[in-house]
Protein backbone atom coordinates (compact mmCIF):
# COMPACT_ATOMS: atom_id res chain seq x y z
CA MET A 1 0.00 0.00 0.00
CA SER A 2 1.39 3.39 -1.01
CA HIS A 3 1.80 6.34 1.33
CA PHE A 4 -1.19 8.15 -0.22
CA GLU A 5 -3.39 5.04 -0.04
CA HIS A 6 -2.50 4.66 3.64
CA ILE A 7 -3.51 8.27 4.33
CA ALA A 8 -6.79 7.79 2.41
CA TYR A 9 -7.54 4.62 4.37
CA ASP A 10 -6.91 6.41 7.70
CA CYS A 11 -9.18 9.28 6.62
CA LEU A 12 -11.94 6.85 5.68
CA LEU A 13 -11.71 5.16 9.08
CA ALA A 14 -11.78 8.53 10.84
CA ILE A 15 -14.88 9.64 8.91
CA LEU A 16 -16.61 6.33 9.59
CA SER A 17 -15.77 6.55 13.30
CA LEU A 18 -17.05 10.14 13.45
CA PHE A 19 -20.27 9.08 11.71
CA LEU A 20 -20.79 6.27 14.21
CA ILE A 21 -20.18 8.63 17.14
CA ILE A 22 -22.70 11.17 15.77
CA LEU A 23 -25.24 8.39 15.15
CA ALA A 24 -24.80 7.16 18.73
CA ILE A 25 -25.31 10.68 20.11
CA VAL A 26 -28.49 11.15 18.03
CA LEU A 27 -29.89 7.81 19.23
CA ILE A 28 -29.17 8.69 22.88
CA VAL A 29 -30.94 12.06 22.52
CA LEU A 30 -33.97 10.46 20.85
CA CYS A 31 -34.19 7.79 23.55
CA LYS A 32 -34.16 10.44 26.25
CA LYS A 33 -36.93 12.41 24.55
CA LYS A 34 -39.14 9.39 23.85
CA PRO A 35 -38.42 6.66 26.37
CA VAL A 36 -39.78 3.26 25.55
CA GLU A 37 -42.62 2.45 27.95
CA SER A 38 -42.36 -1.18 28.82
CA GLU A 39 -44.53 -2.94 31.37
CA GLU A 40 -41.70 -2.44 33.85
CA THR A 41 -41.56 1.36 33.42
CA LEU A 42 -45.31 2.06 33.37
CA PRO A 43 -46.83 3.13 36.70
CA ILE A 44 -48.57 0.28 38.48
CA LYS A 45 -52.07 0.90 39.83
CA LEU A 46 -52.70 -0.78 43.13
CA CYS A 47 -55.90 -2.79 43.25
CA ALA A 48 -57.82 -4.50 46.02
CA CYS A 49 -56.01 -7.29 47.79
CA ALA A 50 -57.58 -10.56 48.89
CA TYR A 51 -57.89 -11.09 52.66
CA PRO A 52 -58.28 -14.55 54.17
CA LEU A 53 -61.69 -14.94 55.77
CA THR A 54 -59.92 -15.91 59.01
CA GLU A 55 -58.29 -12.47 59.16
CA ILE A 56 -61.61 -10.68 58.56
CA ASP A 57 -63.26 -12.85 61.21
CA ALA A 58 -60.55 -11.94 63.72
CA ALA A 59 -60.66 -8.25 62.77
CA THR A 60 -64.41 -8.09 63.49
CA ASP A 61 -64.30 -10.26 66.62
CA GLY A 62 -66.24 -12.97 64.83
CA PHE A 63 -68.60 -10.41 63.19
CA SER A 64 -69.65 -9.22 66.63
CA HIS A 65 -72.82 -7.13 66.79
CA ARG A 66 -70.81 -4.65 68.88
CA ARG A 67 -68.75 -3.92 65.77
CA ILE A 68 -71.74 -3.06 63.58
CA ILE A 69 -71.69 0.54 62.32
CA GLY A 70 -74.30 0.29 59.58
CA GLN A 71 -76.83 -1.91 57.81
CA GLY A 72 -78.19 -1.50 54.31
CA ARG A 73 -79.79 -3.18 51.33
CA LEU A 74 -76.58 -5.01 50.39
CA GLY A 75 -75.20 -6.02 53.76
CA THR A 76 -73.95 -5.19 57.23
CA VAL A 77 -70.96 -2.92 57.85
CA TYR A 78 -68.50 -3.57 60.68
CA ALA A 79 -65.63 -1.54 62.11
CA ALA A 80 -62.67 -3.90 61.83
CA LEU A 81 -59.12 -3.76 63.14
CA LEU A 82 -56.70 -5.58 60.87
CA SER A 83 -53.62 -7.40 62.15
CA THR A 84 -51.55 -4.45 60.84
CA GLY A 85 -53.37 -2.14 63.26
CA LYS A 86 -55.30 -0.40 60.48
CA LEU A 87 -58.96 0.39 61.14
CA VAL A 88 -61.17 -0.41 58.15
CA ALA A 89 -64.86 -0.79 57.26
CA VAL A 90 -65.95 -4.32 56.39
CA LYS A 91 -69.18 -4.83 54.42
CA ARG A 92 -70.51 -8.38 54.74
CA ILE A 93 -72.91 -9.01 51.85
CA HIS A 94 -76.27 -10.56 52.82
CA PRO A 95 -76.19 -14.38 52.39
CA ARG A 96 -79.23 -14.40 50.09
CA LEU A 97 -77.44 -11.98 47.71
CA VAL A 98 -74.31 -14.15 47.81
CA LEU A 99 -76.34 -17.19 46.76
CA SER A 100 -78.07 -15.35 43.92
CA ASN A 101 -74.67 -14.19 42.56
CA ALA A 102 -72.75 -17.40 43.19
CA GLY A 103 -71.38 -17.64 39.66
CA PHE A 104 -70.52 -13.96 39.27
CA GLY A 105 -66.91 -12.74 39.13
CA PHE A 106 -67.02 -10.92 42.45
CA ALA A 107 -63.25 -10.63 42.88
CA SER A 108 -62.64 -9.21 39.39
CA VAL A 109 -65.38 -6.59 39.82
CA ILE A 110 -64.07 -5.45 43.19
CA LYS A 111 -60.52 -5.27 41.86
CA THR A 112 -61.72 -3.04 39.00
CA LEU A 113 -63.73 -0.80 41.33
CA SER A 114 -60.74 -0.45 43.65
CA LEU A 115 -58.75 1.33 40.93
CA ALA A 116 -60.96 4.39 41.48
CA GLN A 117 -59.08 7.02 43.51
CA HIS A 118 -60.56 10.46 44.23
CA PRO A 119 -60.90 12.74 47.30
CA ASN A 120 -64.69 12.47 47.12
CA ILE A 121 -65.07 8.69 46.99
CA VAL A 122 -64.38 6.07 49.65
CA PRO A 123 -61.44 3.86 48.54
CA ILE A 124 -61.97 0.11 48.30
CA LEU A 125 -58.97 -1.61 49.88
CA GLY A 126 -59.70 -5.29 49.53
CA PHE A 127 -62.13 -8.18 49.59
CA SER A 128 -62.64 -11.65 50.96
CA GLN A 129 -64.65 -14.55 49.63
CA ALA A 130 -65.47 -18.07 50.69
CA PRO A 131 -68.45 -20.39 50.25
CA GLY A 132 -71.46 -18.33 51.28
CA GLU A 133 -69.34 -15.23 52.03
CA ARG A 134 -68.62 -12.08 50.02
CA ILE A 135 -66.89 -9.24 51.87
CA ILE A 136 -65.69 -5.79 50.80
CA VAL A 137 -63.00 -3.94 52.78
CA SER A 138 -63.04 -0.14 52.51
CA GLU A 139 -61.32 2.80 54.13
CA PHE A 140 -62.86 3.70 57.48
CA ILE A 141 -64.50 7.14 57.55
CA ASN A 142 -64.60 8.60 61.06
CA MET A 143 -67.89 10.46 60.75
CA ALA A 144 -71.39 9.33 59.75
CA SER A 145 -73.47 9.62 56.58
CA LEU A 146 -75.34 12.60 55.21
CA ASP A 147 -78.54 10.66 55.94
CA PHE A 148 -77.58 10.44 59.62
CA TYR A 149 -76.96 14.17 59.96
CA LEU A 150 -80.09 15.18 58.08
CA HIS A 151 -82.55 12.66 59.52
CA GLU A 152 -81.21 10.66 62.49
CA ASN A 153 -79.27 13.07 64.70
CA ASN A 154 -81.43 15.70 66.40
CA ASP A 155 -78.54 18.18 66.38
CA GLY A 156 -77.19 17.07 63.03
CA ALA A 157 -79.18 19.46 60.90
CA SER A 158 -77.85 22.47 62.82
CA LEU A 159 -74.28 21.24 62.21
CA LEU A 160 -75.03 21.37 58.49
CA ASP A 161 -75.52 25.07 57.85
CA TRP A 162 -76.36 26.21 54.33
CA ASN A 163 -72.75 26.85 53.37
CA ARG A 164 -71.73 23.39 54.55
CA ARG A 165 -74.66 21.79 52.72
CA LEU A 166 -73.63 23.48 49.48
CA ARG A 167 -70.11 22.15 49.87
CA ILE A 168 -71.35 18.64 50.64
CA ALA A 169 -73.53 18.69 47.51
CA THR A 170 -70.60 19.91 45.44
CA GLY A 171 -68.22 17.29 46.83
CA ALA A 172 -70.70 14.48 46.15
CA ALA A 173 -71.17 15.78 42.59
CA ARG A 174 -67.41 15.76 42.05
CA GLY A 175 -67.16 12.19 43.30
CA LEU A 176 -69.97 11.02 41.02
CA GLU A 177 -68.49 12.97 38.10
CA TYR A 178 -65.20 11.13 38.61
CA LEU A 179 -66.96 7.75 38.62
CA HIS A 180 -68.85 8.59 35.42
CA GLN A 181 -66.00 10.25 33.51
CA GLY A 182 -62.67 10.18 35.33
CA VAL A 183 -61.87 6.50 35.72
CA ALA A 184 -61.55 3.75 33.14
CA PRO A 185 -63.69 1.79 32.83
CA ASN A 186 -66.38 4.27 33.87
CA ILE A 187 -68.44 3.29 36.91
CA ILE A 188 -72.22 3.57 37.27
CA HIS A 189 -73.00 3.97 40.95
CA GLY A 190 -76.46 2.39 40.83
CA CYS A 191 -77.67 3.61 44.24
CA ILE A 192 -77.02 7.31 44.86
CA LYS A 193 -78.72 8.29 48.12
CA ALA A 194 -77.96 10.22 51.30
CA SER A 195 -76.86 7.13 53.24
CA ASN A 196 -74.23 6.41 50.56
CA ILE A 197 -72.61 9.81 51.02
CA LEU A 198 -70.29 9.71 54.01
CA LEU A 199 -68.89 12.79 55.74
CA ASN A 200 -65.37 12.86 57.15
CA GLU A 201 -64.16 14.96 60.09
CA LYS A 202 -64.02 18.05 57.84
CA PHE A 203 -67.56 17.38 56.54
CA CYS A 204 -66.11 16.54 53.13
CA ALA A 205 -68.51 14.34 51.14
CA MET A 206 -67.25 10.90 50.13
CA VAL A 207 -69.38 8.64 47.93
CA CYS A 208 -69.43 4.95 48.88
CA ASP A 209 -71.02 1.67 47.65
CA TYR A 210 -70.40 2.54 44.00
CA GLY A 211 -70.68 -0.07 41.28
CA LEU A 212 -72.37 -2.68 43.47
CA SER A 213 -75.83 -2.71 41.89
CA PHE A 214 -74.95 -6.06 40.25
CA LEU A 215 -75.40 -7.66 43.68
CA ALA A 216 -79.09 -6.75 43.92
CA PRO A 217 -80.45 -5.51 40.57
CA GLU A 218 -84.12 -6.16 41.45
CA GLU A 219 -84.01 -5.23 45.15
CA LYS A 220 -86.34 -2.25 45.64
CA ARG A 221 -85.87 -1.99 49.39
CA GLY A 222 -83.68 1.02 50.11
CA LEU A 223 -83.63 2.08 46.46
CA ALA A 224 -87.23 3.05 45.66
CA GLY A 225 -87.50 6.82 45.42
CA TYR A 226 -83.84 7.25 44.48
CA VAL A 227 -84.13 5.94 40.92
CA ASP A 228 -86.38 7.00 38.05
CA ASP A 229 -89.27 4.90 36.78
CA ASP A 230 -87.20 3.75 33.80
CA TYR A 231 -84.92 1.87 36.19
CA TRP A 232 -87.59 -0.82 36.69
CA HIS A 233 -89.08 -0.90 33.20
CA GLU A 234 -86.29 -2.79 31.46
CA ARG A 235 -86.60 -6.57 31.31
CA GLY A 236 -85.16 -8.05 34.49
CA GLY A 237 -85.18 -4.67 36.27
CA GLY A 238 -82.17 -2.92 37.72
CA ASN A 239 -81.37 -0.79 34.67
CA ALA A 240 -78.75 1.41 36.32
CA THR A 241 -77.43 4.17 34.06
CA ARG A 242 -75.69 7.51 34.34
CA GLU A 243 -79.13 9.10 34.01
CA SER A 244 -80.57 7.12 36.91
CA ASP A 245 -77.55 8.15 39.00
CA VAL A 246 -78.26 11.80 38.19
CA TYR A 247 -81.89 11.30 39.25
CA GLY A 248 -80.74 9.90 42.58
CA PHE A 249 -78.39 12.83 43.03
CA GLY A 250 -81.30 15.21 42.40
CA VAL A 251 -83.26 13.49 45.18
CA VAL A 252 -80.27 13.96 47.50
CA LEU A 253 -80.25 17.68 46.63
CA LEU A 254 -83.92 17.87 47.61
CA GLU A 255 -83.10 16.22 50.94
CA ILE A 256 -80.28 18.70 51.52
CA LEU A 257 -82.58 21.63 50.75
CA SER A 258 -85.68 20.49 52.62
CA GLY A 259 -84.30 18.32 55.40
CA ARG A 260 -86.98 15.75 54.53
CA ARG A 261 -86.57 12.07 53.74
CA SER A 262 -87.08 10.71 50.24
CA GLU A 263 -90.06 8.58 51.35
CA GLU A 264 -89.96 6.42 48.23
CA GLY A 265 -90.71 9.24 45.82
CA LEU A 266 -93.07 11.34 47.90
CA LEU A 267 -90.39 14.00 48.42
CA VAL A 268 -90.10 14.55 44.67
CA LYS A 269 -93.88 14.90 44.25
CA TRP A 270 -94.00 17.39 47.12
CA ALA A 271 -90.96 19.46 46.14
CA LEU A 272 -91.36 19.87 42.38
CA PRO A 273 -94.44 22.15 42.51
CA LEU A 274 -92.79 24.32 45.17
CA ILE A 275 -89.68 24.83 43.01
CA LYS A 276 -91.69 25.51 39.86
CA GLU A 277 -93.83 28.05 41.69
CA MET A 278 -90.78 29.63 43.41
CA ARG A 279 -92.16 28.90 46.89
CA PHE A 280 -88.74 28.47 48.43
CA SER A 281 -89.72 29.50 51.95
CA GLU A 282 -91.90 26.36 52.05
CA LEU A 283 -89.21 24.18 50.47
CA LEU A 284 -86.21 25.00 52.64
CA ASP A 285 -85.40 23.15 55.87
CA PRO A 286 -87.36 24.94 58.64
CA ARG A 287 -84.67 23.98 61.18
CA LEU A 288 -82.35 26.55 59.59
CA ALA A 289 -82.92 30.26 59.13
CA ILE A 290 -83.29 31.34 55.52
CA PRO A 291 -79.97 32.99 54.58
CA CYS A 292 -79.76 36.59 53.43
CA GLU A 293 -78.16 35.45 50.17
CA ILE A 294 -80.69 32.94 48.88
CA LYS A 295 -79.60 32.88 45.22
CA PRO A 296 -77.26 29.86 45.62
CA LEU A 297 -80.07 27.84 47.22
CA VAL A 298 -82.49 28.84 44.46
CA ARG A 299 -79.91 27.73 41.91
CA LEU A 300 -79.42 24.45 43.78
CA ALA A 301 -83.19 23.86 43.78
CA LYS A 302 -83.35 24.44 40.03
CA VAL A 303 -80.52 21.96 39.49
CA ALA A 304 -82.46 19.41 41.56
CA LEU A 305 -85.55 20.12 39.43
CA ALA A 306 -83.57 19.47 36.24
CA CYS A 307 -82.26 16.18 37.66
CA VAL A 308 -85.60 14.73 38.78
CA GLY A 309 -88.14 16.61 36.66
CA ASN A 310 -86.84 15.67 33.21
CA SER A 311 -86.81 12.48 31.18
CA ARG A 312 -83.52 10.62 30.82
CA LYS A 313 -83.01 12.18 27.40
CA ASN A 314 -83.34 15.75 28.72
CA ARG A 315 -81.64 15.25 32.08
CA PRO A 316 -78.33 17.08 32.64
CA SER A 317 -75.14 15.05 32.94
CA ILE A 318 -73.33 14.94 36.25
CA VAL A 319 -70.53 16.92 34.55
CA GLN A 320 -72.95 19.78 33.93
CA VAL A 321 -74.31 19.51 37.46
CA ALA A 322 -70.84 19.51 39.02
CA THR A 323 -69.82 22.54 36.96
CA ILE A 324 -72.81 24.56 38.25
CA LEU A 325 -72.20 23.51 41.87
CA ASN A 326 -68.48 24.29 41.62
CA ASN A 327 -69.42 27.83 40.57
CA LEU A 328 -71.84 28.14 43.50
CA VAL A 329 -69.18 27.44 46.12
CA GLY A 330 -66.51 29.35 44.24
CA ASP A 331 -64.02 26.48 44.13
CA PRO A 332 -62.05 25.45 41.04
């Protein structure tokens, strides 16, 4: 090889090396800008864990009646102390409902529901199942339900002044909006009512028992008055939809405004004419003085009217409802 050929060969190697270095730099920059998302790098959502029935039995002292903190259409709720020292709420589904749903994928449904995380819903932490047993473990909320404060506690209504009631309504709307639109797959609550809206120590509303209508689709007890007539008209009954959830939320708004119970639909029949005729002094809870600034309550009553007074087709979405209520309380 001549001297000139040697120089040319060295130059070619240098150019090739430089090209490879530049290519490597470009690839590194591109990888940093657009990292490859493998299953290892993607964030992992925590879902409900399975508890042995023996642990739940021990945590509730053998499902002692002294541990009972609530009873409803789906089951009995116990205050339970886990072996870790964590206080939780344990819902033990009624045996008859367990038998009627024996072949249903209970664990997979609860795991899916547990992915929902929002300040205005009660987190589902786990579950337990065994022959004849279906149990849901949720976060323990220190305070009671909206139903308790409005209807059970003699002093409860006075604790819920108008400003606090507006904020509770808004918080519940945000929680329901998240279930309908903010989580995938979307969740239909199926039983929106005052007893399924819990209040924490700051009176922040937290929606519970969401997505469980599959356990009792035809059970009217505890649900009549909180769903529209269309709910029962479909074959097999239990036609829970976003629209039926909005209806139930409208009934809750009427309870918040009037202080009266739903009474299986009688509240709606009583309240609608009063709202339409602007007779708000008759509508509002007599246990509280009518505030000087009544416009927010009038607006709330009109929202309730839209939720319960319209057909499913013309009913507002919970997104529209939440937007109006957010504006009423002045929060983002």
